[in-house]
C-alpha atoms as a PDB file:
ATOM      1  CA  MET A   1      -3.401  26.074  -9.858  1.00  0.00           C
ATOM      2  CA  ARG A   2       0.044  26.340  -8.307  1.00  0.00           C
ATOM      3  CA  LEU A   3       0.679  23.102  -6.378  1.00  0.00           C
ATOM      4  CA  ILE A   4       3.128  21.537  -3.980  1.00  0.00           C
ATOM      5  CA  PHE A   5       3.215  17.758  -4.431  1.00  0.00           C
ATOM      6  CA  MET A   6       4.220  15.550  -1.497  1.00  0.00           C
ATOM      7  CA  GLY A   7       4.675  11.799  -2.049  1.00  0.00           C
ATOM      8  CA  THR A   8       7.232   9.030  -1.938  1.00  0.00           C
ATOM      9  CA  PRO A   9       6.419   5.510  -3.264  1.00  0.00           C
ATOM     10  CA  GLU A  10       5.377   4.201  -6.669  1.00  0.00           C
ATOM     11  CA  PHE A  11       1.750   4.503  -5.540  1.00  0.00           C
ATOM     12  CA  SER A  12       2.040   8.318  -5.675  1.00  0.00           C
ATOM     13  CA  VAL A  13       3.588   8.619  -9.145  1.00  0.00           C
ATOM     14  CA  PRO A  14       0.362   8.359 -11.240  1.00  0.00           C
ATOM     15  CA  VAL A  15      -1.168  11.195  -9.223  1.00  0.00           C
ATOM     16  CA  LEU A  16       1.809  13.478  -9.898  1.00  0.00           C
ATOM     17  CA  THR A  17       1.756  12.583 -13.589  1.00  0.00           C
ATOM     18  CA  ALA A  18      -1.997  13.202 -13.861  1.00  0.00           C
ATOM     19  CA  LEU A  19      -1.736  16.635 -12.224  1.00  0.00           C
ATOM     20  CA  ILE A  20       1.008  17.655 -14.623  1.00  0.00           C
ATOM     21  CA  GLY A  21      -1.141  16.449 -17.509  1.00  0.00           C
ATOM     22  CA  GLN A  22      -3.944  18.747 -16.376  1.00  0.00           C
ATOM     23  CA  GLY A  23      -1.683  21.780 -16.672  1.00  0.00           C
ATOM     24  CA  HIS A  24      -1.246  22.544 -12.984  1.00  0.00           C
ATOM     25  CA  GLU A  25       1.961  24.341 -12.059  1.00  0.00           C
ATOM     26  CA  ILE A  26       4.184  22.283  -9.737  1.00  0.00           C
ATOM     27  CA  ALA A  27       6.018  24.717  -7.452  1.00  0.00           C
ATOM     28  CA  ALA A  28       8.075  21.953  -5.820  1.00  0.00           C
ATOM     29  CA  VAL A  29       7.954  18.243  -5.001  1.00  0.00           C
ATOM     30  CA  TYR A  30       8.588  16.919  -1.494  1.00  0.00           C
ATOM     31  CA  SER A  31       9.655  13.293  -0.989  1.00  0.00           C
ATOM     32  CA  GLN A  32      11.378  11.120   1.606  1.00  0.00           C
ATOM     33  CA  PRO A  33      15.195  11.373   1.563  1.00  0.00           C
ATOM     34  CA  PRO A  34      17.183   8.830  -0.489  1.00  0.00           C
ATOM     35  CA  ARG A  35      17.631   5.566   1.450  1.00  0.00           C
ATOM     36  CA  PRO A  36      20.400   2.947   1.474  1.00  0.00           C
ATOM     37  CA  ALA A  37      19.562   0.118  -0.919  1.00  0.00           C
ATOM     38  CA  GLY A  38      21.192  -2.796  -2.698  1.00  0.00           C
ATOM     39  CA  ARG A  39      22.454  -6.021  -1.195  1.00  0.00           C
ATOM     40  CA  ARG A  40      24.973  -4.278   1.024  1.00  0.00           C
ATOM     41  CA  GLY A  41      22.906  -1.173   1.606  1.00  0.00           C
ATOM     42  CA  LEU A  42      25.719   1.082   0.422  1.00  0.00           C
ATOM     43  CA  GLU A  43      24.008   2.894  -2.435  1.00  0.00           C
ATOM     44  CA  LEU A  44      21.590   5.737  -1.706  1.00  0.00           C
ATOM     45  CA  THR A  45      18.428   5.328  -3.793  1.00  0.00           C
ATOM     46  CA  LYS A  46      15.946   8.093  -4.586  1.00  0.00           C
ATOM     47  CA  SER A  47      12.238   7.413  -4.116  1.00  0.00           C
ATOM     48  CA  PRO A  48      10.045   6.716  -7.181  1.00  0.00           C
ATOM     49  CA  VAL A  49       8.436  10.159  -6.816  1.00  0.00           C
ATOM     50  CA  HIS A  50      11.865  11.806  -6.538  1.00  0.00           C
ATOM     51  CA  GLU A  51      13.030  10.050  -9.728  1.00  0.00           C
ATOM     52  CA  GLN A  52       9.881  10.968 -11.657  1.00  0.00           C
ATOM     53  CA  ALA A  53       9.908  14.597 -10.517  1.00  0.00           C
ATOM     54  CA  GLU A  54      13.518  15.052 -11.601  1.00  0.00           C
ATOM     55  CA  GLN A  55      12.680  13.620 -15.018  1.00  0.00           C
ATOM     56  CA  PHE A  56      10.069  16.360 -15.355  1.00  0.00           C
ATOM     57  CA  GLY A  57      12.609  18.939 -14.205  1.00  0.00           C
ATOM     58  CA  PHE A  58      10.968  19.918 -10.918  1.00  0.00           C
ATOM     59  CA  GLU A  59      12.731  21.017  -7.760  1.00  0.00           C
ATOM     60  CA  VAL A  60      12.717  18.119  -5.277  1.00  0.00           C
ATOM     61  CA  ARG A  61      13.027  18.710  -1.544  1.00  0.00           C
ATOM     62  CA  THR A  62      13.821  15.838   0.833  1.00  0.00           C
ATOM     63  CA  PRO A  63      13.786  17.136   4.431  1.00  0.00           C
ATOM     64  CA  LYS A  64      13.974  14.582   7.225  1.00  0.00           C
ATOM     65  CA  SER A  65      11.443  16.626   9.177  1.00  0.00           C
ATOM     66  CA  LEU A  66       9.086  19.557   8.646  1.00  0.00           C
ATOM     67  CA  LYS A  67       9.159  20.725  12.246  1.00  0.00           C
ATOM     68  CA  SER A  68      11.811  23.450  11.954  1.00  0.00           C
ATOM     69  CA  ALA A  69      10.898  27.079  11.414  1.00  0.00           C
ATOM     70  CA  GLU A  70      13.301  27.181   8.439  1.00  0.00           C
ATOM     71  CA  GLU A  71      11.546  24.307   6.630  1.00  0.00           C
ATOM     72  CA  GLN A  72       8.128  25.772   7.354  1.00  0.00           C
ATOM     73  CA  GLU A  73       9.128  29.188   6.028  1.00  0.00           C
ATOM     74  CA  ALA A  74      10.627  27.584   2.899  1.00  0.00           C
ATOM     75  CA  PHE A  75       7.302  25.794   2.352  1.00  0.00           C
ATOM     76  CA  ARG A  76       5.243  28.983   2.752  1.00  0.00           C
ATOM     77  CA  ALA A  77       7.644  30.875   0.459  1.00  0.00           C
ATOM     78  CA  LEU A  78       6.553  28.666  -2.447  1.00  0.00           C
ATOM     79  CA  ASP A  79       3.308  30.681  -2.408  1.00  0.00           C
ATOM     80  CA  ALA A  80       1.211  27.692  -3.524  1.00  0.00           C
ATOM     81  CA  ASP A  81      -2.562  27.475  -3.825  1.00  0.00           C
ATOM     82  CA  VAL A  82      -2.729  23.926  -2.429  1.00  0.00           C
ATOM     83  CA  ALA A  83      -0.560  20.989  -1.375  1.00  0.00           C
ATOM     84  CA  VAL A  84      -1.393  17.511  -2.691  1.00  0.00           C
ATOM     85  CA  VAL A  85      -0.237  14.691  -0.390  1.00  0.00           C
ATOM     86  CA  VAL A  86      -0.194  11.006  -1.381  1.00  0.00           C
ATOM     87  CA  ALA A  87       1.727   8.501   0.776  1.00  0.00           C
ATOM     88  CA  TYR A  88       4.370  11.060   1.718  1.00  0.00           C
ATOM     89  CA  GLY A  89       5.451   9.460   4.992  1.00  0.00           C
ATOM     90  CA  LEU A  90       6.007  12.484   7.240  1.00  0.00           C
ATOM     91  CA  LEU A  91       3.568  14.105   9.663  1.00  0.00           C
ATOM     92  CA  LEU A  92       2.592  17.621   8.637  1.00  0.00           C
ATOM     93  CA  PRO A  93       2.669  20.141  11.518  1.00  0.00           C
ATOM     94  CA  PRO A  94       0.087  22.960  11.631  1.00  0.00           C
ATOM     95  CA  PRO A  95       2.320  25.571   9.920  1.00  0.00           C
ATOM     96  CA  ILE A  96       2.597  23.219   6.924  1.00  0.00           C
ATOM     97  CA  LEU A  97      -1.122  22.396   6.922  1.00  0.00           C
ATOM     98  CA  GLU A  98      -1.796  26.135   6.850  1.00  0.00           C
ATOM     99  CA  GLY A  99       1.113  26.998   4.554  1.00  0.00           C
ATOM    100  CA  THR A 100      -0.864  27.236   1.315  1.00  0.00           C
ATOM    101  CA  ARG A 101      -3.864  29.341   0.311  1.00  0.00           C
ATOM    102  CA  LEU A 102      -6.365  26.436   0.281  1.00  0.00           C
ATOM    103  CA  GLY A 103      -4.725  23.839   2.561  1.00  0.00           C
ATOM    104  CA  CYS A 104      -3.446  20.281   2.094  1.00  0.00           C
ATOM    105  CA  TYR A 105      -5.473  17.547   0.354  1.00  0.00           C
ATOM    106  CA  ASN A 106      -4.618  13.898   0.841  1.00  0.00           C
ATOM    107  CA  GLY A 107      -5.338  10.846  -1.312  1.00  0.00           C
ATOM    108  CA  HIS A 108      -5.907   7.908   1.056  1.00  0.00           C
ATOM    109  CA  ALA A 109      -6.428   4.280   0.010  1.00  0.00           C
ATOM    110  CA  SER A 110      -9.323   3.200   2.234  1.00  0.00           C
ATOM    111  CA  LEU A 111     -12.933   3.975   3.054  1.00  0.00           C
ATOM    112  CA  LEU A 112     -12.328   6.232   6.025  1.00  0.00           C
ATOM    113  CA  PRO A 113     -12.685   6.066   8.961  1.00  0.00           C
ATOM    114  CA  ARG A 114     -11.803   2.394   8.371  1.00  0.00           C
ATOM    115  CA  TRP A 115      -8.044   1.825   8.061  1.00  0.00           C
ATOM    116  CA  ARG A 116      -6.537   5.125   9.050  1.00  0.00           C
ATOM    117  CA  GLY A 117      -2.763   4.975   9.066  1.00  0.00           C
ATOM    118  CA  ALA A 118       0.225   3.483   7.303  1.00  0.00           C
ATOM    119  CA  ALA A 119      -0.877   0.228   5.618  1.00  0.00           C
ATOM    120  CA  PRO A 120      -4.547   0.543   4.594  1.00  0.00           C
ATOM    121  CA  ILE A 121      -4.302  -1.608   1.447  1.00  0.00           C
ATOM    122  CA  GLN A 122      -2.604  -4.559   3.131  1.00  0.00           C
ATOM    123  CA  ARG A 123      -4.804  -4.391   6.225  1.00  0.00           C
ATOM    124  CA  ALA A 124      -8.001  -4.368   4.170  1.00  0.00           C
ATOM    125  CA  VAL A 125      -6.964  -7.515   2.297  1.00  0.00           C
ATOM    126  CA  MET A 126      -5.652  -9.254   5.425  1.00  0.00           C
ATOM    127  CA  ALA A 127      -8.963  -8.555   7.179  1.00  0.00           C
ATOM    128  CA  GLY A 128     -10.924 -10.078   4.313  1.00  0.00           C
ATOM    129  CA  ASP A 129     -12.695  -6.816   3.444  1.00  0.00           C
ATOM    130  CA  ARG A 130     -14.801  -7.120   0.301  1.00  0.00           C
ATOM    131  CA  GLU A 131     -14.745  -3.427  -0.536  1.00  0.00           C
ATOM    132  CA  THR A 132     -12.332  -0.527  -0.314  1.00  0.00           C
ATOM    133  CA  GLY A 133     -11.684   2.650  -2.259  1.00  0.00           C
ATOM    134  CA  MET A 134      -9.846   5.943  -2.591  1.00  0.00           C
ATOM    135  CA  MET A 135     -10.760   9.062  -0.676  1.00  0.00           C
ATOM    136  CA  ILE A 136      -9.695  12.672  -1.053  1.00  0.00           C
ATOM    137  CA  MET A 137      -9.754  14.505   2.263  1.00  0.00           C
ATOM    138  CA  LYS A 138      -8.635  17.861   3.572  1.00  0.00           C
ATOM    139  CA  MET A 139      -5.901  17.215   6.097  1.00  0.00           C
ATOM    140  CA  ASP A 140      -6.003  18.303   9.720  1.00  0.00           C
ATOM    141  CA  GLU A 141      -3.701  17.591  12.668  1.00  0.00           C
ATOM    142  CA  GLY A 142      -5.091  14.093  13.302  1.00  0.00           C
ATOM    143  CA  LEU A 143      -4.050  10.829  11.659  1.00  0.00           C
ATOM    144  CA  ASP A 144      -6.291  10.644   8.572  1.00  0.00           C
ATOM    145  CA  THR A 145      -9.120  12.341  10.457  1.00  0.00           C
ATOM    146  CA  GLY A 146      -9.895  15.233   8.116  1.00  0.00           C
ATOM    147  CA  PRO A 147     -13.206  15.839   6.318  1.00  0.00           C
ATOM    148  CA  VAL A 148     -13.755  13.871   3.101  1.00  0.00           C
ATOM    149  CA  ALA A 149     -14.269  15.585  -0.244  1.00  0.00           C
ATOM    150  CA  MET A 150     -14.544  12.716  -2.730  1.00  0.00           C
ATOM    151  CA  VAL A 151     -14.694   8.915  -2.683  1.00  0.00           C
ATOM    152  CA  GLU A 152     -14.632   6.129  -5.233  1.00  0.00           C
ATOM    153  CA  LYS A 153     -15.278   2.565  -4.106  1.00  0.00           C
ATOM    154  CA  MET A 154     -14.102  -0.727  -5.611  1.00  0.00           C
ATOM    155  CA  ALA A 155     -14.604  -4.407  -4.834  1.00  0.00           C
ATOM    156  CA  ILE A 156     -11.831  -6.615  -3.452  1.00  0.00           C
ATOM    157  CA  THR A 157     -12.208  -9.957  -5.234  1.00  0.00           C
ATOM    158  CA  PRO A 158     -11.622 -13.202  -3.266  1.00  0.00           C
ATOM    159  CA  ASP A 159      -8.093 -13.935  -4.563  1.00  0.00           C
ATOM    160  CA  MET A 160      -6.890 -10.362  -5.178  1.00  0.00           C
ATOM    161  CA  THR A 161      -3.478  -9.569  -3.715  1.00  0.00           C
ATOM    162  CA  SER A 162      -2.415  -6.318  -2.092  1.00  0.00           C
ATOM    163  CA  GLY A 163      -0.143  -5.687  -5.066  1.00  0.00           C
ATOM    164  CA  GLU A 164      -3.020  -5.960  -7.519  1.00  0.00           C
ATOM    165  CA  LEU A 165      -5.229  -3.763  -5.343  1.00  0.00           C
ATOM    166  CA  HIS A 166      -2.392  -1.232  -4.955  1.00  0.00           C
ATOM    167  CA  ASP A 167      -2.116  -0.800  -8.726  1.00  0.00           C
ATOM    168  CA  ARG A 168      -5.869  -0.372  -9.226  1.00  0.00           C
ATOM    169  CA  LEU A 169      -6.229   2.144  -6.392  1.00  0.00           C
ATOM    170  CA  SER A 170      -3.230   4.128  -7.607  1.00  0.00           C
ATOM    171  CA  MET A 171      -4.922   4.788 -10.941  1.00  0.00           C
ATOM    172  CA  ILE A 172      -8.279   5.499  -9.293  1.00  0.00           C
ATOM    173  CA  GLY A 173      -6.545   7.947  -6.961  1.00  0.00           C
ATOM    174  CA  ALA A 174      -4.966   9.845  -9.855  1.00  0.00           C
ATOM    175  CA  ASP A 175      -8.328  10.396 -11.539  1.00  0.00           C
ATOM    176  CA  LEU A 176     -10.047  11.266  -8.265  1.00  0.00           C
ATOM    177  CA  MET A 177      -7.433  13.868  -7.295  1.00  0.00           C
ATOM    178  CA  VAL A 178      -7.706  15.520 -10.711  1.00  0.00           C
ATOM    179  CA  ARG A 179     -11.483  15.791 -10.274  1.00  0.00           C
ATOM    180  CA  ALA A 180     -11.154  17.058  -6.700  1.00  0.00           C
ATOM    181  CA  LEU A 181      -8.762  19.834  -7.687  1.00  0.00           C
ATOM    182  CA  ALA A 182     -10.971  20.843 -10.599  1.00  0.00           C
ATOM    183  CA  ALA A 183     -13.871  21.227  -8.153  1.00  0.00           C
ATOM    184  CA  LEU A 184     -11.639  23.085  -5.690  1.00  0.00           C
ATOM    185  CA  GLU A 185     -10.590  25.496  -8.429  1.00  0.00           C
ATOM    186  CA  ARG A 186     -14.286  26.165  -9.207  1.00  0.00           C
ATOM    187  CA  ASP A 187     -14.973  26.618  -5.481  1.00  0.00           C
ATOM    188  CA  SER A 188     -17.480  23.741  -5.655  1.00  0.00           C
ATOM    189  CA  LEU A 189     -15.658  21.100  -3.566  1.00  0.00           C
ATOM    190  CA  THR A 190     -17.757  20.094  -0.553  1.00  0.00           C
ATOM    191  CA  LEU A 191     -16.331  18.558   2.620  1.00  0.00           C
ATOM    192  CA  LYS A 192     -18.091  16.047   4.866  1.00  0.00           C
ATOM    193  CA  PRO A 193     -16.860  15.090   8.368  1.00  0.00           C
ATOM    194  CA  GLN A 194     -15.930  11.453   8.853  1.00  0.00           C
ATOM    195  CA  PRO A 195     -18.301   9.259  10.906  1.00  0.00           C
ATOM    196  CA  GLU A 196     -17.322   8.726  14.516  1.00  0.00           C
ATOM    197  CA  GLU A 197     -18.210   5.023  14.298  1.00  0.00           C
ATOM    198  CA  GLY A 198     -16.189   2.350  12.520  1.00  0.00           C
ATOM    199  CA  VAL A 199     -12.710   3.722  13.169  1.00  0.00           C
ATOM    200  CA  THR A 200      -9.880   1.201  12.650  1.00  0.00           C
ATOM    201  CA  TYR A 201      -6.121   1.703  12.344  1.00  0.00           C
ATOM    202  CA  ALA A 202      -3.836   0.216   9.703  1.00  0.00           C
ATOM    203  CA  ALA A 203      -0.593  -0.323  11.593  1.00  0.00           C
ATOM    204  CA  LYS A 204       2.648  -0.912   9.719  1.00  0.00           C
ATOM    205  CA  ILE A 205       3.285  -4.549   8.867  1.00  0.00           C
ATOM    206  CA  ASP A 206       5.512  -6.252  11.432  1.00  0.00           C
ATOM    207  CA  LYS A 207       7.922  -8.999  10.352  1.00  0.00           C
ATOM    208  CA  ALA A 208       6.426 -11.237  13.038  1.00  0.00           C
ATOM    209  CA  GLU A 209       3.144 -11.254  11.073  1.00  0.00           C
ATOM    210  CA  THR A 210       4.651 -12.714   7.916  1.00  0.00           C
ATOM    211  CA  ARG A 211       5.152 -16.349   8.971  1.00  0.00           C
ATOM    212  CA  ILE A 212       2.110 -18.478   8.182  1.00  0.00           C
ATOM    213  CA  GLU A 213       0.608 -20.505  11.009  1.00  0.00           C
ATOM    214  CA  TRP A 214      -1.353 -23.375   9.475  1.00  0.00           C
ATOM    215  CA  ALA A 215      -3.399 -23.944  12.641  1.00  0.00           C
ATOM    216  CA  GLY A 216      -5.568 -20.939  11.764  1.00  0.00           C
ATOM    217  CA  ARG A 217      -8.718 -20.918   9.645  1.00  0.00           C
ATOM    218  CA  ALA A 218      -8.089 -21.395   5.925  1.00  0.00           C
ATOM    219  CA  GLU A 219      -9.817 -18.104   5.136  1.00  0.00           C
ATOM    220  CA  ASP A 220      -7.504 -16.217   7.516  1.00  0.00           C
ATOM    221  CA  VAL A 221      -4.403 -17.949   6.124  1.00  0.00           C
ATOM    222  CA  HIS A 222      -5.466 -17.140   2.549  1.00  0.00           C
ATOM    223  CA  ASN A 223      -6.157 -13.503   3.423  1.00  0.00           C
ATOM    224  CA  ARG A 224      -2.751 -13.178   5.070  1.00  0.00           C
ATOM    225  CA  ILE A 225      -0.950 -14.657   2.060  1.00  0.00           C
ATOM    226  CA  ARG A 226      -2.622 -12.345  -0.441  1.00  0.00           C
ATOM    227  CA  GLY A 227      -2.537  -9.372   1.924  1.00  0.00           C
ATOM    228  CA  LEU A 228       1.251  -9.606   2.269  1.00  0.00           C
ATOM    229  CA  SER A 229       1.874 -10.172  -1.446  1.00  0.00           C
ATOM    230  CA  PRO A 230       4.156  -9.120  -3.015  1.00  0.00           C
ATOM    231  CA  PHE A 231       5.801  -7.275  -0.131  1.00  0.00           C
ATOM    232  CA  PRO A 232       6.997  -8.194   2.413  1.00  0.00           C
ATOM    233  CA  GLY A 233       5.579 -11.619   1.508  1.00  0.00           C
ATOM    234  CA  ALA A 234       4.115 -14.334   3.711  1.00  0.00           C
ATOM    235  CA  TRP A 235       6.332 -17.380   4.147  1.00  0.00           C
ATOM    236  CA  CYS A 236       6.658 -20.832   5.603  1.00  0.00           C
ATOM    237  CA  GLU A 237       9.258 -23.590   5.651  1.00  0.00           C
ATOM    238  CA  MET A 238       9.041 -26.634   3.413  1.00  0.00           C
ATOM    239  CA  GLU A 239      10.929 -29.892   3.232  1.00  0.00           C
ATOM    240  CA  ILE A 240      11.918 -30.107  -0.434  1.00  0.00           C
ATOM    241  CA  GLY A 241      14.006 -33.013  -1.679  1.00  0.00           C
ATOM    242  CA  GLY A 242      15.126 -33.767   1.867  1.00  0.00           C
ATOM    243  CA  LYS A 243      16.211 -30.153   2.595  1.00  0.00           C
ATOM    244  CA  THR A 244      14.381 -27.536   4.657  1.00  0.00           C
ATOM    245  CA  GLU A 245      13.877 -24.298   2.716  1.00  0.00           C
ATOM    246  CA  ARG A 246      12.152 -21.028   3.430  1.00  0.00           C
ATOM    247  CA  VAL A 247       9.535 -20.312   0.750  1.00  0.00           C
ATOM    248  CA  LYS A 248       7.666 -17.084   0.071  1.00  0.00           C
ATOM    249  CA  LEU A 249       3.936 -17.584  -0.597  1.00  0.00           C
ATOM    250  CA  LEU A 250       2.655 -15.057  -3.140  1.00  0.00           C
ATOM    251  CA  LYS A 251      -0.749 -16.338  -4.236  1.00  0.00           C
ATOM    252  CA  SER A 252      -3.296 -18.830  -2.993  1.00  0.00           C
ATOM    253  CA  THR A 253      -6.942 -19.778  -3.178  1.00  0.00           C
ATOM    254  CA  LEU A 254      -9.336 -21.521  -0.829  1.00  0.00           C
ATOM    255  CA  ALA A 255      -9.561 -25.278  -1.435  1.00  0.00           C
ATOM    256  CA  THR A 256     -12.941 -26.969  -1.466  1.00  0.00           C
ATOM    257  CA  GLY A 257     -13.999 -30.450  -0.378  1.00  0.00           C
ATOM    258  CA  GLY A 258     -11.813 -33.083   1.261  1.00  0.00           C
ATOM    259  CA  GLU A 259     -11.656 -34.387   4.803  1.00  0.00           C
ATOM    260  CA  PRO A 260     -10.150 -32.387   7.690  1.00  0.00           C
ATOM    261  CA  ASP A 261      -6.497 -33.178   8.360  1.00  0.00           C
ATOM    262  CA  GLN A 262      -3.651 -32.167  10.676  1.00  0.00           C
ATOM    263  CA  PRO A 263      -2.727 -28.485  10.078  1.00  0.00           C
ATOM    264  CA  GLY A 264       0.251 -28.250   7.719  1.00  0.00           C
ATOM    265  CA  THR A 265      -0.483 -31.615   6.092  1.00  0.00           C
ATOM    266  CA  LEU A 266      -0.239 -31.815   2.298  1.00  0.00           C
ATOM    267  CA  VAL A 267      -3.627 -32.770   0.884  1.00  0.00           C
ATOM    268  CA  GLY A 268      -3.795 -34.519  -2.517  1.00  0.00           C
ATOM    269  CA  ASP A 269      -1.188 -34.285  -5.261  1.00  0.00           C
ATOM    270  CA  GLY A 270      -0.594 -30.536  -5.485  1.00  0.00           C
ATOM    271  CA  LEU A 271       0.240 -27.845  -2.953  1.00  0.00           C
ATOM    272  CA  THR A 272      -3.005 -27.864  -1.008  1.00  0.00           C
ATOM    273  CA  ILE A 273      -2.308 -27.448   2.700  1.00  0.00           C
ATOM    274  CA  ALA A 274      -4.655 -28.394   5.525  1.00  0.00           C
ATOM    275  CA  CYS A 275      -5.371 -25.634   8.025  1.00  0.00           C
ATOM    276  CA  GLY A 276      -6.992 -25.690  11.449  1.00  0.00           C
ATOM    277  CA  GLU A 277     -10.266 -25.319   9.589  1.00  0.00           C
ATOM    278  CA  GLY A 278     -10.408 -25.906   5.828  1.00  0.00           C
ATOM    279  CA  ALA A 279      -7.485 -25.907   3.410  1.00  0.00           C
ATOM    280  CA  VAL A 280      -5.542 -23.491   1.202  1.00  0.00           C
ATOM    281  CA  LYS A 281      -4.145 -24.204  -2.257  1.00  0.00           C
ATOM    282  CA  LEU A 282      -0.854 -22.421  -2.969  1.00  0.00           C
ATOM    283  CA  THR A 283      -0.680 -21.149  -6.567  1.00  0.00           C
ATOM    284  CA  LEU A 284       2.432 -18.903  -6.724  1.00  0.00           C
ATOM    285  CA  LEU A 285       5.587 -19.483  -4.672  1.00  0.00           C
ATOM    286  CA  GLN A 286       9.177 -18.295  -4.580  1.00  0.00           C
ATOM    287  CA  LYS A 287      12.298 -19.880  -3.110  1.00  0.00           C
ATOM    288  CA  ALA A 288      15.006 -17.647  -1.668  1.00  0.00           C
ATOM    289  CA  GLY A 289      17.015 -16.249  -4.569  1.00  0.00           C
ATOM    290  CA  GLY A 290      14.640 -17.747  -7.130  1.00  0.00           C
ATOM    291  CA  LYS A 291      11.859 -16.391  -9.298  1.00  0.00           C
ATOM    292  CA  PRO A 292       8.128 -16.738  -8.623  1.00  0.00           C
ATOM    293  CA  LEU A 293       6.755 -20.046  -9.916  1.00  0.00           C
ATOM    294  CA  GLY A 294       3.296 -21.495 -10.320  1.00  0.00           C
ATOM    295  CA  SER A 295       2.643 -24.565  -8.190  1.00  0.00           C
ATOM    296  CA  ALA A 296       3.103 -27.041 -11.082  1.00  0.00           C
ATOM    297  CA  ASP A 297       6.500 -25.606 -12.051  1.00  0.00           C
ATOM    298  CA  PHE A 298       7.503 -25.349  -8.401  1.00  0.00           C
ATOM    299  CA  LEU A 299       6.842 -29.059  -7.861  1.00  0.00           C
ATOM    300  CA  ARG A 300       8.840 -30.075 -10.956  1.00  0.00           C
ATOM    301  CA  GLY A 301      12.086 -29.119  -9.215  1.00  0.00           C
ATOM    302  CA  ALA A 302      11.713 -31.537  -6.291  1.00  0.00           C
ATOM    303  CA  PRO A 303       8.823 -33.012  -4.316  1.00  0.00           C
ATOM    304  CA  VAL A 304       7.551 -31.181  -1.248  1.00  0.00           C
ATOM    305  CA  THR A 305       7.210 -33.706   1.573  1.00  0.00           C
ATOM    306  CA  ARG A 306       6.389 -31.481   4.516  1.00  0.00           C
ATOM    307  CA  VAL A 307       5.169 -27.943   5.245  1.00  0.00           C
ATOM    308  CA  PHE A 308       5.666 -26.187   8.569  1.00  0.00           C
END
């Protein structure tokens, strides 16, 4: 089929690559405009999808909005059968949703209607969900409210990070979208409305959520650490060799046994931290400007005397 692909981050790239591999014709690729990057924010950087599409030689369009009549006419003029949307980042107005022969199909990383919105992978891990998946849905004017065509579920293991889940779901999504389009081409793709019960929203991650508060339950602390890893990263302050340093917490596991202690207290010889209820063992950490280190290597540099 003749497709328009709309996506921006690394998560979307395997889907684009898989569709090309199936022989679909890519009429154009839409992605978010290049953004300032680098330490000083002076260099404009293209999105991962933009970079990949140019390597394949496709036309890449980067409008800041799709609301103008000119942009909508340019979209319709591509005369595409269907638009495939994966983490694009812009709302699609009705003329865009109706601008192809068969509509717009979205790959979404949750089990809808749970975790509609911007950060479904991180929110699922932070909430301690034990299962998630990829869904292909036909888009409508609502926020991830369209009818579902295909779903593939997967387990979220107890110590899995959002980064690890992201990579797994990205590959699942590529395979699922290929199968969905094959069914659509055969006119055998069925759509099922989403349930009205169980709706939750995956709001963007706020910086205020990233500092760890040790007074919480260990399970909640652990879920926050792995849910924010690797980006933007949960953090706390530590007294290391007499100096206070900000440390990013990338991996952890729930500690077992031991007596309750004051939240933030170091328990035992390693980096096990008492919480309001239970304790969390930190297993991968990163100082500002440093590289990620396992807890044993981290402690070789200087002893940690306090966590707060």
